[in-house]
Amino acid sequence: KRARDWLADKNAFLEAEVERRMGENRTIQEVSILALARLAEVRDPETGLHLRRTREYVRALATRLRHEPGFYLLADESTVDLFAKSALLHDIGKVGIPDHILLKPGRLTREEWEIMKTHAAIGAHAIELAERDAEHPVEFLIVAKEIAHHHHERWDGGGYPDGLSGDAIPISARLMALADVFDAVISRRVYKPSLSLAEAREVIRGGRGTHFDPRTVDAFDAIFDQFANIAEQISD
């Protein structure tokens, strides 16, 4: 009996130690994500609120789609959280875009736009370098790289940088694409006014099956009030 008690105590200690270390790893992961996201925010102050809003849009979409056919990856709540956290790094590649383009108070020329578009590949490459330095695969880096690289792809294949279409686009990037566009159109810029929430809703609906996965648009439509609340709560 004494031996059994000793083993039980030992197992309880080991389980507690594993949980403690996993908690530490989660904290380190979250701090790392926020630190990297801040790099983009420092370069472009308008990015800060955009990052926080899009993180919550992605979380809301992923939660809605968890039990839909074709979205089995999201059945695990930890994956929903992973997608949301990794969304913070979608524009990390903008740290490699020259200031005169990134911060230009007006529309970009065609040449400038081609340079701006490279932020997707730059971001994915930067995250890939971090992956190589890791001793073992790191889930959030894998998802963050997908999002950074492919969040400007379109469902119909007309996006960049790789011209992926349909289900070839990672689920994480499909959610991010919708979240990114929605937030962009409700945000005012020097060269364009902001759209109302109702107008933004129509923009997203109009992209169903062309810009966006139809299922993500249907999910967005079903939880539009959540998007509106996020936009209003995380604002200037």
Foldseek 3Di string as FASTA:
>chain_A
DVVVVVVVVVVVVVVVVVVVVVVVVVVVVLVVLVVLLVLVCVLPVVVVLLLVLLLVLQLLLLVLCCPPPPNVVSVDVVVSNLLSSLSSLQQSLCSVQDSCLVVPQADDDPVSVVSSQCSLVSSLVVLVVVQVVDPDGDVSSVSSSLQNNQLQAFQQQPGDDPSDHHPVRDPSSLSSNLSNQLVVQQDCGSHGGHDDLVVSLVVLVVRDNTRHPVSSNVSCVVVVVSSVVSDVVSDD
